[in-house]
Protein backbone atom coordinates (compact mmCIF):
# COMPACT_ATOMS: atom_id res chain seq x y z
CA UNK A 1 180.49 15.81 94.86
CA UNK A 2 181.42 17.78 91.17
CA UNK A 3 181.09 21.67 90.69
CA UNK A 4 177.95 21.06 88.35
CA UNK A 5 176.14 19.06 90.56
CA UNK A 6 176.81 21.32 93.63
CA UNK A 7 175.51 23.96 91.30
CA UNK A 8 172.38 22.20 90.32
CA UNK A 9 171.50 21.51 94.26
CA UNK A 10 172.15 25.03 94.85
CA UNK A 11 169.41 26.05 91.94
CA UNK A 12 167.42 23.38 93.73
CA UNK A 13 166.88 25.34 96.77
CA UNK A 14 166.76 28.85 94.89
CA UNK A 15 163.89 27.54 92.84
CA UNK A 16 161.64 25.73 95.78
CA UNK A 17 161.85 28.94 97.86
CA UNK A 18 160.56 31.09 95.38
CA UNK A 19 157.80 28.91 95.18
CA UNK A 20 157.01 28.56 98.22
CA UNK A 21 157.32 32.29 98.60
CA UNK A 22 155.30 33.38 95.64
CA UNK A 23 152.35 30.67 97.09
CA UNK A 24 152.25 33.19 99.89
CA UNK A 25 150.01 35.75 100.19
CA UNK A 26 151.95 37.87 101.56
CA UNK A 27 155.86 38.30 103.31
CA UNK A 28 158.18 40.64 104.34
CA UNK A 29 158.65 43.87 103.69
CA UNK A 30 160.84 47.04 103.82
CA UNK A 31 158.41 49.43 105.27
CA UNK A 32 159.02 47.48 108.04
CA UNK A 33 162.14 45.12 108.37
CA UNK A 34 162.49 42.02 110.13
CA UNK A 35 163.52 44.05 113.65
CA UNK A 36 161.19 45.91 114.70
CA UNK A 37 162.26 45.48 118.34
CA UNK A 38 165.08 47.87 117.37
CA UNK A 39 163.19 51.05 118.51
CA UNK A 40 163.77 53.52 121.49
CA UNK A 41 162.74 56.93 120.36
CA UNK A 42 160.37 58.11 122.27
CA UNK A 43 157.69 59.75 120.04
CA UNK A 44 156.73 63.52 120.30
CA UNK A 45 153.56 64.51 122.79
CA UNK A 46 152.75 67.91 121.65
CA UNK A 47 150.47 68.18 124.45
CA UNK A 48 153.30 68.11 126.98
CA UNK A 49 154.64 71.52 127.43
CA UNK A 50 156.38 71.92 130.59
CA UNK A 51 156.88 68.70 131.47
CA UNK A 52 160.51 67.59 132.38
CA UNK A 53 161.80 64.52 133.42
CA UNK A 54 164.25 61.73 133.49
CA UNK A 55 164.81 58.84 130.95
CA UNK A 56 166.58 55.61 130.87
CA UNK A 57 167.33 53.74 126.98
CA UNK A 58 168.97 50.76 127.42
CA UNK A 59 169.60 47.58 125.12
CA UNK A 60 171.04 44.63 126.31
CA UNK A 61 172.25 42.10 124.19
CA UNK A 62 173.55 38.77 123.39
CA UNK A 63 174.71 38.10 120.01
CA UNK A 64 175.97 34.63 118.35
CA UNK A 65 177.53 34.73 114.32
CA UNK A 66 178.34 31.33 113.67
CA UNK A 67 180.06 32.62 110.00
CA UNK A 68 181.79 30.11 107.97
CA UNK A 69 182.32 32.16 104.96
CA UNK A 70 185.64 34.06 104.45
CA UNK A 71 183.33 37.96 103.80
CA UNK A 72 181.66 37.64 106.98
CA UNK A 73 183.28 37.26 110.43
CA UNK A 74 183.06 34.89 113.42
CA UNK A 75 182.04 35.99 116.51
CA UNK A 76 179.95 36.34 119.18
CA UNK A 77 178.90 39.97 121.11
CA UNK A 78 177.43 40.70 124.80
CA UNK A 79 176.68 43.80 126.53
CA UNK A 80 174.44 46.69 127.18
CA UNK A 81 173.55 50.17 126.03
CA UNK A 82 172.68 52.78 128.45
CA UNK A 83 171.62 55.92 127.50
CA UNK A 84 170.47 58.09 130.27
CA UNK A 85 168.84 61.69 129.26
CA UNK A 86 167.05 64.69 130.24
CA UNK A 87 163.88 65.66 128.50
CA UNK A 88 162.49 69.04 128.55
CA UNK A 89 158.89 70.69 125.81
CA UNK A 90 159.75 73.97 126.06
CA UNK A 91 157.02 74.51 123.67
CA UNK A 92 153.63 72.29 121.96
CA UNK A 93 156.24 72.17 119.09
CA UNK A 94 160.15 71.44 121.07
CA UNK A 95 161.52 68.85 122.54
CA UNK A 96 165.05 68.85 123.88
CA UNK A 97 167.16 65.72 124.86
CA UNK A 98 170.49 65.70 126.94
CA UNK A 99 172.45 62.86 128.27
CA UNK A 100 175.13 60.46 127.57
CA UNK A 101 175.23 56.95 125.50
CA UNK A 102 177.54 54.65 127.23
CA UNK A 103 178.29 50.91 125.11
CA UNK A 104 179.71 48.43 127.22
CA UNK A 105 180.58 45.01 126.46
CA UNK A 106 180.88 41.97 128.53
CA UNK A 107 183.92 40.34 129.18
CA UNK A 108 185.93 43.07 128.50
CA UNK A 109 187.25 45.60 130.49
CA UNK A 110 189.54 47.82 128.63
CA UNK A 111 185.74 49.01 126.22
CA UNK A 112 183.01 50.77 127.14
CA UNK A 113 182.10 53.63 124.61
CA UNK A 114 180.49 57.18 125.68
CA UNK A 115 179.99 59.40 124.03
CA UNK A 116 177.24 62.86 124.34
CA UNK A 117 173.55 62.55 123.34
CA UNK A 118 171.47 65.40 122.20
CA UNK A 119 168.67 65.74 120.45
CA UNK A 120 166.42 68.52 119.83
CA UNK A 121 162.82 67.93 118.39
CA UNK A 122 160.99 70.34 116.26
CA UNK A 123 157.27 68.90 114.96
CA UNK A 124 156.16 71.57 112.88
CA UNK A 125 152.98 70.45 112.62
CA UNK A 126 151.13 66.76 112.96
CA UNK A 127 152.38 65.63 109.83
CA UNK A 128 156.12 67.37 109.67
CA UNK A 129 159.31 67.11 112.26
CA UNK A 130 162.55 68.08 111.80
CA UNK A 131 165.34 66.76 113.97
CA UNK A 132 168.68 68.39 115.16
CA UNK A 133 171.63 66.68 116.75
CA UNK A 134 171.36 62.59 117.21
CA UNK A 135 168.56 61.03 115.26
CA UNK A 136 165.75 58.88 115.51
CA UNK A 137 167.50 55.59 113.29
CA UNK A 138 164.45 53.39 114.95
CA UNK A 139 164.88 49.91 112.65
CA UNK A 140 167.59 51.78 110.80
CA UNK A 141 165.20 53.73 108.96
CA UNK A 142 163.07 51.11 108.24
CA UNK A 143 166.22 50.48 105.96
CA UNK A 144 166.47 46.35 104.29
CA UNK A 145 169.33 44.51 105.75
CA UNK A 146 171.51 44.40 102.54
CA UNK A 147 171.86 48.49 103.23
CA UNK A 148 172.15 48.82 106.51
CA UNK A 149 173.36 46.27 109.36
CA UNK A 150 170.69 45.97 112.10
CA UNK A 151 173.73 44.90 114.28
CA UNK A 152 174.51 48.49 114.28
CA UNK A 153 171.56 49.39 116.42
CA UNK A 154 173.26 48.67 119.84
CA UNK A 155 177.11 48.39 118.53
CA UNK A 156 177.30 51.98 116.39
CA UNK A 157 178.02 55.57 118.00
CA UNK A 158 174.49 57.06 118.02
CA UNK A 159 173.93 58.99 114.40
CA UNK A 160 174.16 62.89 114.74
CA UNK A 161 172.93 65.44 111.99
CA UNK A 162 170.05 66.59 110.42
CA UNK A 163 166.93 65.00 109.65
CA UNK A 164 163.71 65.52 108.74
CA UNK A 165 160.56 63.62 108.79
CA UNK A 166 156.87 63.36 107.23
CA UNK A 167 153.93 61.19 107.92
CA UNK A 168 150.35 61.13 106.27
CA UNK A 169 147.96 58.71 105.56
CA UNK A 170 149.88 57.83 102.03
CA UNK A 171 152.98 59.15 101.98
CA UNK A 172 155.41 59.47 104.46
CA UNK A 173 159.09 60.53 104.20
CA UNK A 174 162.61 60.11 105.51
CA UNK A 175 165.55 62.55 105.09
CA UNK A 176 168.51 62.28 106.98
CA UNK A 177 172.60 62.82 106.98
CA UNK A 178 174.55 60.92 110.05
CA UNK A 179 178.08 63.67 109.93
CA UNK A 180 180.12 61.18 111.28
CA UNK A 181 183.80 62.39 111.26
CA UNK A 182 184.32 66.34 110.71
CA UNK A 183 187.54 67.46 109.65
CA UNK A 184 189.74 70.88 110.66
CA UNK A 185 192.31 72.05 108.51
CA UNK A 186 195.46 69.65 108.66
CA UNK A 187 193.75 66.86 109.90
CA UNK A 188 195.00 63.36 108.69
CA UNK A 189 191.67 61.49 108.13
CA UNK A 190 189.10 62.39 105.90
CA UNK A 191 185.39 63.69 106.80
CA UNK A 192 182.93 61.42 106.44
CA UNK A 193 179.07 61.41 106.51
CA UNK A 194 175.90 58.93 105.90
CA UNK A 195 172.81 59.96 103.99
CA UNK A 196 169.47 58.60 102.75
CA UNK A 197 166.33 59.51 101.31
CA UNK A 198 163.80 57.02 101.69
CA UNK A 199 160.18 57.64 100.67
CA UNK A 200 156.97 55.61 100.51
CA UNK A 201 153.76 55.74 98.63
CA UNK A 202 150.34 54.05 99.88
CA UNK A 203 149.16 52.64 96.91
CA UNK A 204 146.55 50.55 98.13
CA UNK A 205 144.95 50.37 101.69
CA UNK A 206 141.41 48.85 101.64
CA UNK A 207 139.93 46.49 104.26
CA UNK A 208 143.00 45.02 105.86
CA UNK A 209 144.89 44.87 102.62
CA UNK A 210 147.94 47.72 101.64
CA UNK A 211 150.55 47.64 98.73
CA UNK A 212 152.93 50.49 98.85
CA UNK A 213 156.43 51.82 97.15
CA UNK A 214 159.16 52.62 99.40
CA UNK A 215 162.17 53.84 97.15
CA UNK A 216 165.56 54.22 98.61
CA UNK A 217 168.31 56.66 98.36
CA UNK A 218 171.04 55.85 100.30
CA UNK A 219 175.45 56.63 100.41
CA UNK A 220 178.03 57.61 102.40
CA UNK A 221 180.71 59.89 101.20
CA UNK A 222 184.58 60.34 102.10
CA UNK A 223 186.06 63.09 101.44
CA UNK A 224 187.04 67.22 102.36
CA UNK A 225 189.51 69.32 101.03
CA UNK A 226 191.01 70.93 104.03
CA UNK A 227 192.69 67.48 105.47
CA UNK A 228 195.88 66.00 104.66
CA UNK A 229 194.85 62.52 104.20
CA UNK A 230 196.14 60.80 100.67
CA UNK A 231 193.69 59.69 97.61
CA UNK A 232 190.46 60.84 95.94
CA UNK A 233 187.22 61.39 97.49
CA UNK A 234 185.08 58.75 97.55
CA UNK A 235 181.22 57.86 97.30
CA UNK A 236 179.11 55.18 98.30
CA UNK A 237 175.68 55.27 97.19
CA UNK A 238 172.51 52.66 96.30
CA UNK A 239 169.41 53.50 95.06
CA UNK A 240 166.47 50.33 95.50
CA UNK A 241 162.77 50.96 94.23
CA UNK A 242 160.57 48.14 96.21
CA UNK A 243 156.64 46.96 96.34
CA UNK A 244 155.22 45.67 99.62
CA UNK A 245 151.99 43.82 100.18
CA UNK A 246 150.45 43.49 103.16
CA UNK A 247 147.72 41.13 104.41
CA UNK A 248 146.21 42.15 107.96
CA UNK A 249 144.31 39.25 108.90
CA UNK A 250 141.16 38.97 112.04
CA UNK A 251 142.10 34.98 113.00
CA UNK A 252 143.84 34.69 116.18
CA UNK A 253 146.67 32.98 115.92
CA UNK A 254 148.42 34.69 112.14
CA UNK A 255 148.16 38.78 112.49
CA UNK A 256 149.41 39.42 109.23
CA UNK A 257 151.47 38.49 105.97
CA UNK A 258 153.57 40.60 103.86
CA UNK A 259 155.30 40.15 100.50
CA UNK A 260 158.23 42.25 99.68
CA UNK A 261 160.81 42.18 96.38
CA UNK A 262 163.20 45.07 95.42
CA UNK A 263 166.07 46.05 93.42
CA UNK A 264 168.94 47.45 94.51
CA UNK A 265 171.77 49.42 92.30
CA UNK A 266 174.95 49.88 93.73
CA UNK A 267 177.44 52.71 92.64
CA UNK A 268 181.14 52.96 94.01
CA UNK A 269 184.64 54.59 92.81
CA UNK A 270 186.63 53.05 90.13
CA UNK A 271 189.64 52.50 91.06
CA UNK A 272 191.46 49.78 89.06
CA UNK A 273 192.53 48.32 92.79
CA UNK A 274 189.23 46.99 94.26
CA UNK A 275 186.83 48.63 92.84
CA UNK A 276 187.30 47.26 89.21
CA UNK A 277 184.48 48.81 87.82
CA UNK A 278 182.09 51.33 88.92
CA UNK A 279 178.61 49.82 90.07
CA UNK A 280 176.70 46.18 91.17
CA UNK A 281 173.58 45.01 91.83
CA UNK A 282 170.81 43.03 94.03
CA UNK A 283 167.60 41.32 93.77
CA UNK A 284 165.82 40.71 96.64
CA UNK A 285 162.37 39.05 97.65
CA UNK A 286 161.37 37.68 100.96
CA UNK A 287 158.01 36.38 102.53
CA UNK A 288 156.81 37.25 106.20
CA UNK A 289 154.09 35.48 108.50
CA UNK A 290 153.44 37.23 112.04
CA UNK A 291 151.85 35.53 114.31
CA UNK A 292 151.03 35.11 118.31
CA UNK A 293 154.18 32.96 118.20
CA UNK A 294 156.57 35.34 116.80
CA UNK A 295 157.19 36.02 113.00
CA UNK A 296 158.58 33.25 110.19
CA UNK A 297 160.60 34.66 107.38
CA UNK A 298 161.81 33.32 103.39
CA UNK A 299 163.96 35.19 101.52
CA UNK A 300 166.25 34.95 98.43
CA UNK A 301 168.79 37.36 97.85
CA UNK A 302 171.27 37.71 94.60
CA UNK A 303 173.66 40.01 94.22
CA UNK A 304 176.08 40.92 91.17
CA UNK A 305 179.30 43.12 92.44
CA UNK A 306 177.15 44.37 95.09
CA UNK A 307 178.56 46.23 98.00
CA UNK A 308 177.65 48.93 100.50
CA UNK A 309 180.09 49.80 103.28
CA UNK A 310 177.05 49.56 106.98
CA UNK A 311 174.84 46.99 105.21
CA UNK A 312 175.12 43.31 106.73
CA UNK A 313 178.21 41.62 105.41
CA UNK A 314 177.20 38.48 104.79
CA UNK A 315 174.84 39.93 102.06
CA UNK A 316 178.05 41.94 100.46
CA UNK A 317 180.38 40.64 97.54
CA UNK A 318 183.15 42.19 98.81
CA UNK A 319 184.15 41.52 102.28
CA UNK A 320 185.35 45.16 103.17
CA UNK A 321 188.96 44.14 102.78
CA UNK A 322 191.81 42.94 100.36
CA UNK A 323 190.89 42.67 96.70
CA UNK A 324 188.80 39.82 96.71
CA UNK A 325 185.59 40.00 95.30
CA UNK A 326 182.79 37.54 94.66
CA UNK A 327 181.02 37.97 90.92
CA UNK A 328 177.72 36.53 91.60
CA UNK A 329 176.42 35.62 95.18
CA UNK A 330 173.19 33.69 96.13
CA UNK A 331 171.70 33.11 98.90
CA UNK A 332 168.82 32.27 101.03
CA UNK A 333 167.89 33.57 104.58
CA UNK A 334 165.37 32.33 106.52
CA UNK A 335 164.74 33.72 109.71
CA UNK A 336 162.31 32.94 113.25
CA UNK A 337 162.19 36.73 115.16
CA UNK A 338 160.07 36.68 118.49
CA UNK A 339 158.94 39.57 120.10
CA UNK A 340 157.37 40.06 123.94
CA UNK A 341 155.94 43.33 125.66
CA UNK A 342 156.85 43.44 129.17
CA UNK A 343 155.25 46.55 129.78
CA UNK A 344 155.24 49.76 128.19
CA UNK A 345 158.35 50.53 126.00
CA UNK A 346 160.26 47.52 127.59
CA UNK A 347 160.35 44.47 125.09
CA UNK A 348 162.04 40.95 125.00
CA UNK A 349 163.26 39.05 121.85
CA UNK A 350 164.49 36.09 120.61
CA UNK A 351 166.09 36.33 117.03
CA UNK A 352 167.61 33.44 114.85
CA UNK A 353 168.20 33.51 111.43
CA UNK A 354 170.00 31.08 108.96
CA UNK A 355 171.82 32.32 105.88
CA UNK A 356 172.49 29.47 102.74
CA UNK A 357 174.91 30.36 100.06
CA UNK A 358 173.42 28.58 97.29
CA UNK A 359 176.34 28.57 94.68
CA UNK A 360 179.25 27.20 97.79
CA UNK A 361 176.81 25.09 99.65
CA UNK A 362 177.90 27.04 102.23
CA UNK A 363 175.80 27.63 106.14
CA UNK A 364 175.87 30.42 108.31
CA UNK A 365 173.82 31.10 111.44
CA UNK A 366 173.37 34.00 113.94
CA UNK A 367 171.15 34.14 117.41
CA UNK A 368 170.16 36.89 119.51
CA UNK A 369 168.98 37.90 122.80
CA UNK A 370 167.82 41.27 123.97
CA UNK A 371 165.60 42.94 126.39
CA UNK A 372 164.99 46.60 125.51
CA UNK A 373 164.14 48.55 128.50
CA UNK A 374 162.79 52.14 128.36
CA UNK A 375 161.67 53.40 130.74
CA UNK A 376 161.47 57.85 132.44
CA UNK A 377 160.49 59.67 135.59
CA UNK A 378 158.44 62.11 135.37
CA UNK A 379 159.33 64.91 138.06
CA UNK A 380 157.30 67.88 137.34
CA UNK A 381 153.84 67.78 135.79
CA UNK A 382 152.28 70.19 133.36
CA UNK A 383 150.06 73.12 135.61
């Protein structure tokens, strides 16, 4: 089959999926990405002054990635994440958590990542919260998959730094700095931190229909002046405005329909070796139907020299190693995600993700099983 015919078939797939998406009344959103199962941050309870209890956050996972593309790995990971902690409400506006975070892969006796867990949550008002220490990164800050790889929920070291959150009926915002690596004088590596600002304005919310405009400013910086690591400082920044339409349904089968579209501009350091230019871009559109039997998503992605370090690898035009870039990358993404609540804060989830590269005519799929358990044992009641 010659290259012109392959390109034509890819375009037909591309046009067909877009026609289906725009025919739907709604679809999947940046505000609520497809990985709503990935959350374990406890909501603040202002009426809990004096309460002290032990809690455990637990994620058990099995994820298989069948990747045939050169820029993404083919692997299977299975294991468990445990976060035992003590929780104390010192004041109607202040909560402290202290414990540990353990990540253990099955089949690898030599790997168990252990780190401390400390979280200070200050609820200044019913709308404003300030978080120090380990952060609330539930659902990857609601970032789209091309910016933030959902697997980081259970494989990455917990985010730590500073965070501010605002929530009201018409506007919400999440601002955070995840300080991943600090340096001292003479250290042979660079400091590294990730930062993000994600406000969302509700333009319409009436009779089960909503329209919102999320905006994401997200990036990573590597630098520092007191270390001895060679090379210049580097910054990777993405700017992503979007629109989200959602319609709730009163039917017993379909719960809601959503539509999401966004445009991402990515910038990175031009070094004439790997990053021969300073920016790229990507367009994303998706449609989603949520029902009592799970959620179905169809999406289209086009990236032109697009790259961000913490995004899902399959969306990137640069593989992260070597110097080979894809100038243009088109992909259809189909998902089926199912979530079942066993009891309060305890969920079972199944995911099937299918990606089809329309320009190179290659398919990638991944499957996952998850059990998310969060529970607490109260040891002291409020008087």
